Amino acid sequence: MAGYDIINRLELFLNRVLPDFELSIENPLTLKSYSQEYIGDIASEINRVADSLKQYCFCLSEMARKQELEIGWDGKKIAPSRQIEYSISTLTELKEKVDTFWKAYIDKSV
């Protein structure tokens, strides 16, 4: 259930940032299980970005070979570095997620 999942995560967060807050006995989450799930999701997203960059390497080589840019769904030419910019943006967001998670849950410095 989505409601209990949110409550369980909120309890775990409060437990990490407020020293006197205790988890309810109904809460099945532990720091270890939540960490593995959360960081596992981020690792999967990083892997998707890596796969996308591998595909981009092929596309970039093809653009250089053909001496023309790719065309988007709207018929406009796509900048040759667009995929790199998107990957950098995505990785920056993921970095922020990791840093924030680490501060709140591991270092308890929030």
N, C-alpha and C. Protein backbone atom coordinates (compact mmCIF):
# COMPACT_ATOMS: atom_id res chain seq x y z
N MET A 1 0.83 -1.18 0.00
CA MET A 1 0.00 0.00 0.00
C MET A 1 0.88 1.25 0.00
N ALA A 2 0.53 2.18 -0.82
CA ALA A 2 1.32 3.40 -0.95
C ALA A 2 1.32 4.21 0.34
N GLY A 3 0.19 4.27 1.02
CA GLY A 3 0.10 5.06 2.24
C GLY A 3 1.05 4.59 3.32
N TYR A 4 1.07 3.29 3.57
CA TYR A 4 1.96 2.75 4.59
C TYR A 4 3.42 2.87 4.17
N ASP A 5 3.69 2.73 2.90
CA ASP A 5 5.06 2.85 2.41
C ASP A 5 5.60 4.25 2.69
N ILE A 6 4.78 5.25 2.45
CA ILE A 6 5.20 6.63 2.70
C ILE A 6 5.39 6.86 4.20
N ILE A 7 4.48 6.36 5.00
CA ILE A 7 4.58 6.51 6.45
C ILE A 7 5.84 5.82 6.97
N ASN A 8 6.11 4.61 6.47
CA ASN A 8 7.30 3.88 6.91
C ASN A 8 8.58 4.64 6.56
N ARG A 9 8.63 5.20 5.37
CA ARG A 9 9.82 5.97 4.96
C ARG A 9 9.96 7.24 5.78
N LEU A 10 8.84 7.89 6.05
CA LEU A 10 8.87 9.10 6.87
C LEU A 10 9.35 8.78 8.28
N GLU A 11 8.86 7.70 8.85
CA GLU A 11 9.31 7.29 10.18
C GLU A 11 10.81 7.02 10.20
N LEU A 12 11.29 6.33 9.17
CA LEU A 12 12.72 6.03 9.10
C LEU A 12 13.53 7.32 9.01
N PHE A 13 13.07 8.26 8.20
CA PHE A 13 13.76 9.55 8.08
C PHE A 13 13.78 10.27 9.43
N LEU A 14 12.62 10.35 10.08
CA LEU A 14 12.56 11.02 11.38
C LEU A 14 13.44 10.34 12.41
N ASN A 15 13.52 9.03 12.34
CA ASN A 15 14.38 8.26 13.23
C ASN A 15 15.85 8.62 13.03
N ARG A 16 16.21 8.94 11.80
CA ARG A 16 17.61 9.27 11.50
C ARG A 16 17.95 10.71 11.89
N VAL A 17 17.01 11.64 11.76
CA VAL A 17 17.33 13.04 12.03
C VAL A 17 16.95 13.50 13.44
N LEU A 18 16.04 12.80 14.08
CA LEU A 18 15.65 13.13 15.45
C LEU A 18 16.07 12.00 16.37
N PRO A 19 17.05 12.22 17.21
CA PRO A 19 17.60 11.14 18.03
C PRO A 19 16.58 10.44 18.94
N ASP A 20 15.55 11.14 19.38
CA ASP A 20 14.58 10.55 20.31
C ASP A 20 13.40 9.88 19.62
N PHE A 21 13.31 9.98 18.30
CA PHE A 21 12.17 9.41 17.58
C PHE A 21 12.39 7.91 17.37
N GLU A 22 11.43 7.12 17.80
CA GLU A 22 11.53 5.66 17.65
C GLU A 22 10.59 5.18 16.55
N LEU A 23 11.05 4.19 15.80
CA LEU A 23 10.21 3.59 14.76
C LEU A 23 9.08 2.82 15.42
N SER A 24 7.92 2.80 14.78
CA SER A 24 6.82 2.00 15.28
C SER A 24 7.15 0.52 15.05
N ILE A 25 6.57 -0.34 15.85
CA ILE A 25 6.87 -1.77 15.71
C ILE A 25 6.30 -2.35 14.42
N GLU A 26 5.33 -1.65 13.82
CA GLU A 26 4.75 -2.12 12.57
C GLU A 26 5.61 -1.79 11.35
N ASN A 27 6.61 -0.94 11.53
CA ASN A 27 7.44 -0.49 10.41
C ASN A 27 8.47 -1.57 10.06
N PRO A 28 8.36 -2.15 8.86
CA PRO A 28 9.30 -3.21 8.47
C PRO A 28 10.63 -2.68 7.93
N LEU A 29 10.72 -1.37 7.70
CA LEU A 29 11.95 -0.82 7.11
C LEU A 29 13.09 -0.76 8.12
N THR A 30 14.26 -1.08 7.63
CA THR A 30 15.48 -0.85 8.39
C THR A 30 16.35 0.07 7.55
N LEU A 31 17.33 0.68 8.18
CA LEU A 31 18.22 1.56 7.43
C LEU A 31 18.92 0.77 6.33
N LYS A 32 19.32 -0.44 6.65
CA LYS A 32 20.04 -1.26 5.66
C LYS A 32 19.14 -1.60 4.47
N SER A 33 17.93 -2.05 4.73
CA SER A 33 17.05 -2.44 3.61
C SER A 33 16.67 -1.23 2.77
N TYR A 34 16.39 -0.10 3.42
CA TYR A 34 16.03 1.10 2.68
C TYR A 34 17.22 1.61 1.87
N SER A 35 18.40 1.58 2.47
CA SER A 35 19.61 2.02 1.76
C SER A 35 19.86 1.18 0.53
N GLN A 36 19.74 -0.12 0.67
CA GLN A 36 19.97 -1.01 -0.47
C GLN A 36 18.96 -0.74 -1.58
N GLU A 37 17.71 -0.52 -1.22
CA GLU A 37 16.67 -0.26 -2.23
C GLU A 37 16.90 1.10 -2.90
N TYR A 38 17.12 2.13 -2.10
CA TYR A 38 17.26 3.49 -2.64
C TYR A 38 18.52 3.62 -3.50
N ILE A 39 19.64 3.18 -2.96
CA ILE A 39 20.90 3.28 -3.72
C ILE A 39 20.88 2.32 -4.90
N GLY A 40 20.20 1.19 -4.77
CA GLY A 40 20.06 0.27 -5.90
C GLY A 40 19.31 0.91 -7.06
N ASP A 41 18.27 1.68 -6.74
CA ASP A 41 17.53 2.40 -7.79
C ASP A 41 18.41 3.43 -8.47
N ILE A 42 19.20 4.14 -7.69
CA ILE A 42 20.11 5.14 -8.26
C ILE A 42 21.17 4.45 -9.13
N ALA A 43 21.70 3.33 -8.65
CA ALA A 43 22.70 2.60 -9.44
C ALA A 43 22.11 2.14 -10.77
N SER A 44 20.85 1.74 -10.76
CA SER A 44 20.18 1.33 -12.00
C SER A 44 20.05 2.51 -12.96
N GLU A 45 19.73 3.68 -12.42
CA GLU A 45 19.62 4.87 -13.26
C GLU A 45 20.98 5.24 -13.85
N ILE A 46 22.04 5.11 -13.06
CA ILE A 46 23.39 5.39 -13.56
C ILE A 46 23.73 4.41 -14.68
N ASN A 47 23.34 3.17 -14.51
CA ASN A 47 23.59 2.17 -15.54
C ASN A 47 22.85 2.51 -16.83
N ARG A 48 21.63 3.02 -16.71
CA ARG A 48 20.87 3.44 -17.90
C ARG A 48 21.56 4.60 -18.62
N VAL A 49 22.11 5.53 -17.85
CA VAL A 49 22.85 6.65 -18.45
C VAL A 49 24.08 6.11 -19.18
N ALA A 50 24.77 5.17 -18.55
CA ALA A 50 25.96 4.58 -19.18
C ALA A 50 25.59 3.89 -20.49
N ASP A 51 24.50 3.15 -20.48
CA ASP A 51 24.04 2.49 -21.71
C ASP A 51 23.70 3.51 -22.79
N SER A 52 23.07 4.59 -22.37
CA SER A 52 22.72 5.66 -23.31
C SER A 52 23.97 6.28 -23.91
N LEU A 53 25.00 6.47 -23.10
CA LEU A 53 26.25 7.04 -23.61
C LEU A 53 26.95 6.09 -24.57
N LYS A 54 26.84 4.80 -24.29
CA LYS A 54 27.42 3.81 -25.23
C LYS A 54 26.73 3.90 -26.58
N GLN A 55 25.41 4.03 -26.55
CA GLN A 55 24.65 4.18 -27.79
C GLN A 55 25.02 5.48 -28.48
N TYR A 56 25.23 6.53 -27.70
CA TYR A 56 25.60 7.82 -28.25
C TYR A 56 26.94 7.74 -28.99
N CYS A 57 27.88 6.97 -28.45
CA CYS A 57 29.18 6.82 -29.12
C CYS A 57 28.98 6.30 -30.55
N PHE A 58 28.10 5.33 -30.70
CA PHE A 58 27.81 4.80 -32.03
C PHE A 58 27.16 5.87 -32.90
N CYS A 59 26.18 6.57 -32.36
CA CYS A 59 25.48 7.62 -33.13
C CYS A 59 26.43 8.74 -33.52
N LEU A 60 27.32 9.13 -32.61
CA LEU A 60 28.28 10.19 -32.91
C LEU A 60 29.21 9.78 -34.05
N SER A 61 29.66 8.53 -34.01
CA SER A 61 30.51 8.02 -35.09
C SER A 61 29.77 8.03 -36.41
N GLU A 62 28.49 7.67 -36.36
CA GLU A 62 27.68 7.68 -37.59
C GLU A 62 27.47 9.10 -38.11
N MET A 63 27.24 10.05 -37.20
CA MET A 63 27.09 11.43 -37.63
C MET A 63 28.37 11.94 -38.29
N ALA A 64 29.51 11.58 -37.72
CA ALA A 64 30.79 12.00 -38.29
C ALA A 64 31.01 11.35 -39.65
N ARG A 65 30.65 10.08 -39.76
CA ARG A 65 30.82 9.38 -41.03
C ARG A 65 29.93 9.98 -42.12
N LYS A 66 28.69 10.27 -41.77
CA LYS A 66 27.74 10.83 -42.74
C LYS A 66 27.89 12.34 -42.92
N GLN A 67 28.58 12.98 -41.97
CA GLN A 67 28.75 14.43 -41.99
C GLN A 67 27.41 15.17 -41.91
N GLU A 68 26.48 14.63 -41.14
CA GLU A 68 25.20 15.31 -40.94
C GLU A 68 24.65 14.97 -39.56
N LEU A 69 23.83 15.88 -39.05
CA LEU A 69 23.23 15.71 -37.73
C LEU A 69 22.01 14.80 -37.81
N GLU A 70 21.65 14.24 -36.64
CA GLU A 70 20.42 13.47 -36.56
C GLU A 70 19.23 14.43 -36.61
N ILE A 71 18.11 13.90 -37.06
CA ILE A 71 16.87 14.68 -37.14
C ILE A 71 15.91 14.15 -36.08
N GLY A 72 15.33 15.07 -35.31
CA GLY A 72 14.38 14.70 -34.26
C GLY A 72 13.01 14.39 -34.83
N TRP A 73 12.10 13.98 -33.96
CA TRP A 73 10.74 13.63 -34.37
C TRP A 73 10.01 14.81 -34.98
N ASP A 74 10.44 16.03 -34.61
CA ASP A 74 9.78 17.22 -35.13
C ASP A 74 10.41 17.74 -36.42
N GLY A 75 11.40 17.02 -36.93
CA GLY A 75 12.05 17.40 -38.18
C GLY A 75 13.20 18.36 -38.01
N LYS A 76 13.48 18.77 -36.79
CA LYS A 76 14.59 19.69 -36.53
C LYS A 76 15.87 18.91 -36.28
N LYS A 77 16.99 19.53 -36.64
CA LYS A 77 18.28 18.90 -36.41
C LYS A 77 18.61 18.93 -34.92
N ILE A 78 19.22 17.85 -34.46
CA ILE A 78 19.58 17.71 -33.05
C ILE A 78 21.06 18.04 -32.90
N ALA A 79 21.40 18.89 -31.94
CA ALA A 79 22.79 19.25 -31.69
C ALA A 79 23.60 17.99 -31.41
N PRO A 80 24.83 17.92 -31.90
CA PRO A 80 25.61 16.70 -31.72
C PRO A 80 25.94 16.38 -30.26
N SER A 81 25.95 17.39 -29.40
CA SER A 81 26.29 17.15 -27.99
C SER A 81 25.06 17.08 -27.09
N ARG A 82 23.88 17.05 -27.65
CA ARG A 82 22.65 17.06 -26.85
C ARG A 82 22.60 15.88 -25.87
N GLN A 83 22.98 14.70 -26.33
CA GLN A 83 22.94 13.53 -25.45
C GLN A 83 23.93 13.66 -24.30
N ILE A 84 25.08 14.27 -24.56
CA ILE A 84 26.05 14.48 -23.50
C ILE A 84 25.47 15.44 -22.45
N GLU A 85 24.85 16.52 -22.91
CA GLU A 85 24.25 17.49 -21.98
C GLU A 85 23.16 16.82 -21.14
N TYR A 86 22.34 16.00 -21.76
CA TYR A 86 21.28 15.30 -21.04
C TYR A 86 21.89 14.35 -20.00
N SER A 87 22.94 13.64 -20.38
CA SER A 87 23.58 12.70 -19.46
C SER A 87 24.20 13.43 -18.28
N ILE A 88 24.85 14.55 -18.56
CA ILE A 88 25.44 15.35 -17.48
C ILE A 88 24.35 15.83 -16.52
N SER A 89 23.25 16.31 -17.06
CA SER A 89 22.14 16.78 -16.24
C SER A 89 21.59 15.65 -15.37
N THR A 90 21.39 14.49 -15.97
CA THR A 90 20.87 13.34 -15.23
C THR A 90 21.84 12.91 -14.14
N LEU A 91 23.13 12.84 -14.46
CA LEU A 91 24.13 12.44 -13.47
C LEU A 91 24.25 13.47 -12.35
N THR A 92 24.08 14.74 -12.66
CA THR A 92 24.10 15.77 -11.63
C THR A 92 22.95 15.58 -10.65
N GLU A 93 21.77 15.29 -11.17
CA GLU A 93 20.61 15.02 -10.31
C GLU A 93 20.85 13.79 -9.44
N LEU A 94 21.42 12.74 -10.02
CA LEU A 94 21.70 11.52 -9.26
C LEU A 94 22.75 11.78 -8.18
N LYS A 95 23.74 12.59 -8.49
CA LYS A 95 24.77 12.95 -7.51
C LYS A 95 24.13 13.65 -6.32
N GLU A 96 23.22 14.58 -6.60
CA GLU A 96 22.53 15.28 -5.52
C GLU A 96 21.71 14.32 -4.66
N LYS A 97 21.05 13.37 -5.29
CA LYS A 97 20.28 12.37 -4.54
C LYS A 97 21.18 11.56 -3.61
N VAL A 98 22.33 11.13 -4.14
CA VAL A 98 23.27 10.33 -3.33
C VAL A 98 23.79 11.17 -2.17
N ASP A 99 24.23 12.40 -2.45
CA ASP A 99 24.78 13.26 -1.40
C ASP A 99 23.74 13.55 -0.32
N THR A 100 22.52 13.86 -0.73
CA THR A 100 21.45 14.15 0.23
C THR A 100 21.12 12.92 1.07
N PHE A 101 21.01 11.78 0.41
CA PHE A 101 20.74 10.54 1.14
C PHE A 101 21.83 10.28 2.16
N TRP A 102 23.07 10.43 1.73
CA TRP A 102 24.20 10.12 2.61
C TRP A 102 24.21 11.05 3.82
N LYS A 103 23.95 12.34 3.60
CA LYS A 103 23.93 13.29 4.71
C LYS A 103 22.83 12.94 5.72
N ALA A 104 21.65 12.62 5.21
CA ALA A 104 20.50 12.39 6.10
C ALA A 104 20.54 11.04 6.79
N TYR A 105 20.87 10.00 6.05
CA TYR A 105 20.72 8.66 6.58
C TYR A 105 22.00 8.04 7.12
N ILE A 106 23.13 8.37 6.54
CA ILE A 106 24.38 7.74 6.98
C ILE A 106 25.14 8.64 7.95
N ASP A 107 25.43 9.87 7.52
CA ASP A 107 26.18 10.80 8.37
C ASP A 107 25.32 11.46 9.44
N LYS A 108 24.01 11.45 9.25
CA LYS A 108 23.06 12.11 10.16
C LYS A 108 23.42 13.59 10.36
N SER A 109 23.80 14.26 9.28
CA SER A 109 24.22 15.66 9.41
C SER A 109 23.19 16.64 8.86
N VAL A 110 21.93 16.24 8.83
CA VAL A 110 20.88 17.15 8.35
C VAL A 110 20.39 17.98 9.50
